[in-house]
């Protein structure tokens, strides 16, 4: 399948932090994730869209394609441990994915964890 465009026709800027943080704190000591994961499962992405724009507006986006784009920055001036890593998509098997619930005080999210596989 050829991809002609990866950009949606509408870009909604949302700047969010984990919901356990009620206000952005530049000095907060963020910790790196300790497990390999994909930030959203299909169900989790749809639910997060509803959380951000509401059920009615989400329907419009869900009729087509939508995407979340995370922009990351280092949590310390020099990365000495826990670097951000990537797995080549062709090395993934369907059995590598596992659904993980994220329970927040005000909502439930869902991500995809990744099982170890020598092909990665």
N, C-alpha and C. Protein backbone atom coordinates (compact mmCIF):
# COMPACT_ATOMS: atom_id res chain seq x y z
N UNK A 1 0.84 -1.16 0.00
CA UNK A 1 0.00 0.00 0.00
C UNK A 1 0.90 1.24 0.00
N UNK A 2 0.65 2.16 -0.89
CA UNK A 2 1.42 3.39 -0.97
C UNK A 2 0.81 4.44 -0.06
N UNK A 3 1.64 5.14 0.65
CA UNK A 3 1.18 6.24 1.50
C UNK A 3 1.39 7.53 0.74
N UNK A 4 0.31 8.25 0.50
CA UNK A 4 0.42 9.50 -0.25
C UNK A 4 0.63 10.69 0.67
N UNK A 5 0.14 10.63 1.87
CA UNK A 5 0.32 11.71 2.82
C UNK A 5 0.16 11.16 4.23
N UNK A 6 1.00 11.62 5.12
CA UNK A 6 0.84 11.21 6.52
C UNK A 6 0.28 12.35 7.35
N UNK A 7 0.01 13.48 6.73
CA UNK A 7 -0.48 14.63 7.48
C UNK A 7 -2.00 14.72 7.41
N UNK A 8 -2.65 14.91 8.56
CA UNK A 8 -4.11 15.11 8.53
C UNK A 8 -4.42 16.49 7.96
N UNK A 9 -5.65 16.68 7.54
CA UNK A 9 -6.04 17.97 7.00
C UNK A 9 -6.23 19.00 8.11
N UNK A 10 -6.47 18.56 9.32
CA UNK A 10 -6.63 19.45 10.45
C UNK A 10 -5.63 19.06 11.53
N UNK A 11 -4.90 20.02 12.03
CA UNK A 11 -3.95 19.76 13.11
C UNK A 11 -4.46 20.48 14.35
N UNK A 12 -4.68 19.72 15.41
CA UNK A 12 -5.12 20.30 16.67
C UNK A 12 -3.96 20.27 17.66
N UNK A 13 -3.47 21.43 18.07
CA UNK A 13 -2.34 21.42 19.01
C UNK A 13 -2.83 21.18 20.44
N UNK A 14 -2.44 20.05 21.00
CA UNK A 14 -2.72 19.75 22.40
C UNK A 14 -1.39 19.55 23.09
N UNK A 15 -1.22 20.22 24.18
CA UNK A 15 0.00 20.07 24.96
C UNK A 15 -0.42 19.43 26.27
N UNK A 16 -0.17 18.15 26.40
CA UNK A 16 -0.63 17.44 27.57
C UNK A 16 0.54 16.79 28.29
N UNK A 17 0.37 16.63 29.54
CA UNK A 17 1.28 15.90 30.40
C UNK A 17 0.45 14.78 31.02
N UNK A 18 1.09 13.78 31.62
CA UNK A 18 0.29 12.75 32.29
C UNK A 18 -0.71 13.39 33.25
N UNK A 19 -1.91 12.81 33.32
CA UNK A 19 -2.98 13.46 34.08
C UNK A 19 -2.72 13.50 35.58
N UNK A 20 -1.70 12.78 36.06
CA UNK A 20 -1.38 12.89 37.48
C UNK A 20 -0.66 14.20 37.78
N UNK A 21 -0.21 14.91 36.75
CA UNK A 21 0.43 16.21 36.92
C UNK A 21 -0.61 17.26 36.53
N UNK A 22 -0.98 18.11 37.46
CA UNK A 22 -2.03 19.07 37.17
C UNK A 22 -1.50 20.36 36.56
N UNK A 23 -0.22 20.61 36.69
CA UNK A 23 0.37 21.81 36.13
C UNK A 23 1.76 21.48 35.63
N UNK A 24 2.15 21.99 34.45
CA UNK A 24 3.48 21.71 33.94
C UNK A 24 4.52 22.31 34.85
N UNK A 25 5.51 21.52 35.22
CA UNK A 25 6.58 21.96 36.10
C UNK A 25 7.90 21.67 35.42
N UNK A 26 8.57 22.71 34.95
CA UNK A 26 9.83 22.57 34.21
C UNK A 26 10.87 21.81 35.03
N UNK A 27 10.82 21.93 36.35
CA UNK A 27 11.84 21.32 37.21
C UNK A 27 11.47 19.92 37.69
N UNK A 28 10.28 19.43 37.31
CA UNK A 28 9.85 18.10 37.77
C UNK A 28 10.80 17.04 37.22
N UNK A 29 11.15 16.10 38.05
CA UNK A 29 12.07 15.02 37.64
C UNK A 29 11.28 13.91 36.96
N UNK A 30 11.18 13.96 35.64
CA UNK A 30 10.49 12.91 34.88
C UNK A 30 11.37 11.68 34.83
N UNK A 31 10.76 10.53 34.82
CA UNK A 31 11.49 9.27 34.74
C UNK A 31 11.22 8.62 33.39
N UNK A 32 12.22 7.99 32.81
CA UNK A 32 12.01 7.32 31.52
C UNK A 32 11.13 6.08 31.69
N UNK A 33 10.43 5.73 30.63
CA UNK A 33 9.66 4.49 30.64
C UNK A 33 10.63 3.32 30.76
N UNK A 34 10.24 2.32 31.49
CA UNK A 34 11.11 1.16 31.70
C UNK A 34 10.69 -0.04 30.87
N UNK A 35 9.66 0.12 30.09
CA UNK A 35 9.22 -0.99 29.23
C UNK A 35 9.06 -0.51 27.80
N UNK A 36 9.29 -1.41 26.86
CA UNK A 36 9.11 -1.09 25.46
C UNK A 36 7.61 -1.05 25.19
N UNK A 37 7.15 0.03 24.55
CA UNK A 37 5.72 0.19 24.35
C UNK A 37 5.42 1.08 23.16
N UNK A 38 4.19 0.99 22.71
CA UNK A 38 3.61 1.89 21.72
C UNK A 38 2.63 2.74 22.52
N UNK A 39 2.63 4.05 22.34
CA UNK A 39 1.85 4.93 23.21
C UNK A 39 0.35 4.71 23.16
N UNK A 40 -0.17 4.15 22.09
CA UNK A 40 -1.62 3.94 22.00
C UNK A 40 -1.93 2.61 21.32
N UNK A 41 -2.92 1.91 21.87
CA UNK A 41 -3.54 0.82 21.14
C UNK A 41 -4.60 1.47 20.26
N UNK A 42 -5.18 0.76 19.29
CA UNK A 42 -6.27 1.37 18.50
C UNK A 42 -7.42 1.87 19.39
N UNK A 43 -7.85 1.07 20.35
CA UNK A 43 -8.93 1.50 21.25
C UNK A 43 -8.49 2.66 22.12
N UNK A 44 -7.24 2.60 22.60
CA UNK A 44 -6.73 3.68 23.43
C UNK A 44 -6.64 5.00 22.69
N UNK A 45 -6.24 4.95 21.42
CA UNK A 45 -6.16 6.18 20.61
C UNK A 45 -7.54 6.78 20.40
N UNK A 46 -8.53 5.93 20.10
CA UNK A 46 -9.89 6.43 19.92
C UNK A 46 -10.43 7.04 21.21
N UNK A 47 -10.16 6.41 22.33
CA UNK A 47 -10.64 6.94 23.60
C UNK A 47 -9.94 8.26 23.95
N UNK A 48 -8.64 8.34 23.68
CA UNK A 48 -7.91 9.57 23.97
C UNK A 48 -8.43 10.71 23.10
N UNK A 49 -8.76 10.43 21.85
CA UNK A 49 -9.35 11.44 20.98
C UNK A 49 -10.64 11.97 21.59
N UNK A 50 -11.49 11.07 22.06
CA UNK A 50 -12.74 11.48 22.71
C UNK A 50 -12.44 12.33 23.95
N UNK A 51 -11.45 11.91 24.74
CA UNK A 51 -11.09 12.66 25.95
C UNK A 51 -10.67 14.09 25.60
N UNK A 52 -9.97 14.25 24.50
CA UNK A 52 -9.42 15.56 24.14
C UNK A 52 -10.42 16.48 23.45
N UNK A 53 -11.24 15.94 22.55
CA UNK A 53 -12.12 16.82 21.75
C UNK A 53 -13.60 16.58 21.98
N UNK A 54 -13.97 15.57 22.76
CA UNK A 54 -15.37 15.27 22.99
C UNK A 54 -15.90 14.25 22.00
N UNK A 55 -16.95 13.56 22.39
CA UNK A 55 -17.49 12.45 21.60
C UNK A 55 -17.97 12.88 20.22
N UNK A 56 -18.70 13.99 20.15
CA UNK A 56 -19.27 14.42 18.87
C UNK A 56 -18.18 14.83 17.88
N UNK A 57 -17.23 15.64 18.33
CA UNK A 57 -16.17 16.08 17.42
C UNK A 57 -15.26 14.92 17.04
N UNK A 58 -15.05 13.99 17.96
CA UNK A 58 -14.21 12.82 17.68
C UNK A 58 -14.78 12.01 16.52
N UNK A 59 -16.09 11.92 16.42
CA UNK A 59 -16.71 11.15 15.33
C UNK A 59 -16.25 11.64 13.97
N UNK A 60 -16.10 12.95 13.83
CA UNK A 60 -15.65 13.52 12.55
C UNK A 60 -14.25 13.01 12.20
N UNK A 61 -13.34 13.04 13.17
CA UNK A 61 -11.98 12.56 12.92
C UNK A 61 -11.96 11.05 12.69
N UNK A 62 -12.78 10.31 13.42
CA UNK A 62 -12.78 8.86 13.33
C UNK A 62 -13.35 8.36 12.00
N UNK A 63 -14.05 9.22 11.26
CA UNK A 63 -14.54 8.83 9.93
C UNK A 63 -13.40 8.70 8.93
N UNK A 64 -12.30 9.37 9.19
CA UNK A 64 -11.13 9.32 8.31
C UNK A 64 -9.94 8.80 9.10
N UNK A 65 -8.82 9.41 8.87
CA UNK A 65 -7.60 9.02 9.57
C UNK A 65 -7.20 10.14 10.53
N UNK A 66 -6.67 9.76 11.66
CA UNK A 66 -6.13 10.73 12.60
C UNK A 66 -4.89 10.13 13.24
N UNK A 67 -4.06 10.98 13.78
CA UNK A 67 -2.83 10.52 14.40
C UNK A 67 -2.47 11.41 15.57
N UNK A 68 -1.78 10.83 16.53
CA UNK A 68 -1.18 11.59 17.62
C UNK A 68 0.32 11.63 17.36
N UNK A 69 0.89 12.79 17.50
CA UNK A 69 2.33 12.93 17.31
C UNK A 69 2.93 13.40 18.63
N UNK A 70 3.79 12.58 19.20
CA UNK A 70 4.47 12.96 20.43
C UNK A 70 5.78 13.63 20.10
N UNK A 71 6.06 14.70 20.78
CA UNK A 71 7.34 15.38 20.64
C UNK A 71 8.07 15.21 21.96
N UNK A 72 9.23 14.60 21.89
CA UNK A 72 9.97 14.29 23.10
C UNK A 72 11.17 15.20 23.24
N UNK A 73 11.57 15.42 24.46
CA UNK A 73 12.80 16.15 24.75
C UNK A 73 13.52 15.40 25.85
N UNK A 74 14.83 15.58 25.95
CA UNK A 74 15.56 14.89 27.03
C UNK A 74 15.07 15.35 28.40
N UNK A 75 15.08 14.45 29.37
CA UNK A 75 14.68 14.81 30.72
C UNK A 75 15.87 15.29 31.55
N UNK A 76 17.05 15.23 30.97
CA UNK A 76 18.24 15.78 31.61
C UNK A 76 19.14 16.31 30.50
N UNK A 77 20.08 17.19 30.83
CA UNK A 77 20.91 17.78 29.78
C UNK A 77 21.70 16.76 28.95
N UNK A 78 22.18 15.70 29.60
CA UNK A 78 22.96 14.69 28.89
C UNK A 78 22.33 13.32 29.15
N UNK A 79 22.04 12.58 28.10
CA UNK A 79 21.46 11.25 28.25
C UNK A 79 22.60 10.26 28.48
N UNK A 80 22.62 9.65 29.68
CA UNK A 80 23.66 8.67 30.01
C UNK A 80 23.09 7.27 30.20
N UNK A 81 21.77 7.19 30.41
CA UNK A 81 21.11 5.89 30.54
C UNK A 81 19.73 5.99 29.90
N UNK A 82 19.12 4.86 29.64
CA UNK A 82 17.75 4.79 29.14
C UNK A 82 17.50 5.66 27.91
N UNK A 83 18.28 5.50 26.84
CA UNK A 83 18.04 6.31 25.65
C UNK A 83 16.73 5.90 24.97
N UNK A 84 16.16 6.82 24.23
CA UNK A 84 14.97 6.52 23.44
C UNK A 84 15.38 5.57 22.33
N UNK A 85 14.64 4.49 22.17
CA UNK A 85 14.97 3.50 21.15
C UNK A 85 13.77 3.20 20.28
N UNK A 86 14.03 2.58 19.16
CA UNK A 86 12.98 2.23 18.20
C UNK A 86 13.18 0.80 17.72
N UNK A 87 12.08 0.15 17.38
CA UNK A 87 12.11 -1.19 16.80
C UNK A 87 11.64 -1.06 15.37
N UNK A 88 12.35 -1.67 14.45
CA UNK A 88 11.92 -1.61 13.05
C UNK A 88 10.60 -2.37 12.91
N UNK A 89 9.59 -1.75 12.31
CA UNK A 89 8.27 -2.39 12.22
C UNK A 89 8.28 -3.77 11.58
N UNK A 90 9.16 -4.02 10.64
CA UNK A 90 9.16 -5.33 9.97
C UNK A 90 9.67 -6.44 10.88
N UNK A 91 10.28 -6.09 12.01
CA UNK A 91 10.76 -7.12 12.93
C UNK A 91 9.69 -7.55 13.93
N UNK A 92 8.54 -6.89 13.90
CA UNK A 92 7.46 -7.18 14.84
C UNK A 92 6.56 -8.31 14.34
N UNK A 93 6.23 -9.22 15.24
CA UNK A 93 5.23 -10.25 14.98
C UNK A 93 3.96 -9.85 15.71
N UNK A 94 2.80 -10.30 15.23
CA UNK A 94 1.54 -9.99 15.92
C UNK A 94 1.56 -10.43 17.38
N UNK A 95 2.26 -11.53 17.65
CA UNK A 95 2.31 -12.06 19.02
C UNK A 95 3.17 -11.20 19.94
N UNK A 96 3.93 -10.25 19.38
CA UNK A 96 4.79 -9.38 20.20
C UNK A 96 3.99 -8.33 20.96
N UNK A 97 2.78 -8.03 20.51
CA UNK A 97 1.98 -6.97 21.12
C UNK A 97 1.16 -7.48 22.30
N UNK A 98 1.08 -6.69 23.36
CA UNK A 98 0.20 -7.00 24.49
C UNK A 98 -0.49 -5.72 24.96
N UNK A 99 -1.77 -5.81 25.23
CA UNK A 99 -2.54 -4.65 25.67
C UNK A 99 -2.27 -4.40 27.15
N UNK A 100 -2.01 -3.14 27.48
CA UNK A 100 -1.74 -2.74 28.87
C UNK A 100 -2.68 -1.58 29.22
N UNK A 101 -3.43 -1.74 30.31
CA UNK A 101 -4.30 -0.66 30.79
C UNK A 101 -3.47 0.32 31.61
N UNK A 102 -3.72 1.61 31.38
CA UNK A 102 -3.13 2.67 32.19
C UNK A 102 -4.26 3.29 33.00
N UNK A 103 -4.17 3.20 34.30
CA UNK A 103 -5.23 3.71 35.16
C UNK A 103 -4.78 5.04 35.76
N UNK A 104 -5.51 6.09 35.40
CA UNK A 104 -5.26 7.43 35.92
C UNK A 104 -6.37 7.78 36.90
N UNK A 105 -6.19 8.80 37.71
CA UNK A 105 -7.26 9.19 38.65
C UNK A 105 -8.56 9.56 37.96
N UNK A 106 -8.47 10.13 36.73
CA UNK A 106 -9.66 10.64 36.07
C UNK A 106 -10.05 9.89 34.80
N UNK A 107 -9.28 8.89 34.40
CA UNK A 107 -9.59 8.18 33.16
C UNK A 107 -8.78 6.90 33.08
N UNK A 108 -9.12 6.07 32.09
CA UNK A 108 -8.36 4.86 31.82
C UNK A 108 -7.81 4.96 30.40
N UNK A 109 -6.54 4.67 30.23
CA UNK A 109 -5.93 4.66 28.91
C UNK A 109 -5.51 3.24 28.56
N UNK A 110 -5.06 3.06 27.35
CA UNK A 110 -4.63 1.74 26.91
C UNK A 110 -3.47 1.91 25.93
N UNK A 111 -2.38 1.21 26.20
CA UNK A 111 -1.22 1.23 25.32
C UNK A 111 -0.92 -0.19 24.88
N UNK A 112 0.04 -0.33 24.00
CA UNK A 112 0.49 -1.66 23.57
C UNK A 112 1.90 -1.88 24.08
N UNK A 113 2.08 -2.90 24.89
CA UNK A 113 3.40 -3.31 25.32
C UNK A 113 4.00 -4.21 24.27
N UNK A 114 5.31 -4.38 24.34
CA UNK A 114 6.02 -5.19 23.36
C UNK A 114 6.81 -6.28 24.07
N UNK A 115 6.59 -7.53 23.69
CA UNK A 115 7.32 -8.66 24.25
C UNK A 115 8.69 -8.76 23.57
N UNK A 116 9.66 -9.25 24.28
CA UNK A 116 10.99 -9.43 23.71
C UNK A 116 10.94 -10.44 22.57
N UNK A 117 11.70 -10.16 21.53
CA UNK A 117 11.76 -11.03 20.37
C UNK A 117 13.16 -10.85 19.78
N UNK A 118 13.90 -11.92 19.57
CA UNK A 118 15.26 -11.81 19.02
C UNK A 118 15.30 -11.10 17.67
N UNK A 119 14.18 -11.07 16.93
CA UNK A 119 14.14 -10.39 15.64
C UNK A 119 14.23 -8.87 15.77
N UNK A 120 13.92 -8.35 16.97
CA UNK A 120 14.00 -6.90 17.16
C UNK A 120 15.45 -6.53 17.12
